[in-house]
Amino acid sequence: MKYIGLGQRNRKPAILIDGFTDTYVSITGADTVLENICFKPDTPTLLLHFCGADGVEIRNCDFLQNTRMRIS
């Protein structure tokens, strides 16, 4: 599965993570590609959770607001 955002620089599509209902992004599909997407978390740590997802690729994505990324 591929998710490719259209746009450039500050006009990329964004995934907003507000910390109230979501604190992580969970990817469960194998061979998933995330490309050209902006992650905007409300918390200082963004957790990317790969549950049985082998071969995941993250290309040209932005992580805003001094985000530390944890991968599990």
Foldseek 3Di string as FASTA:
>chain_A
DEDEFDDDDPPTAEDEAEVPVHQEAEDEAEQYEYYRYEYEYNDQEYEYEYHNHHNYYYYHYHYDDNHDYHYD
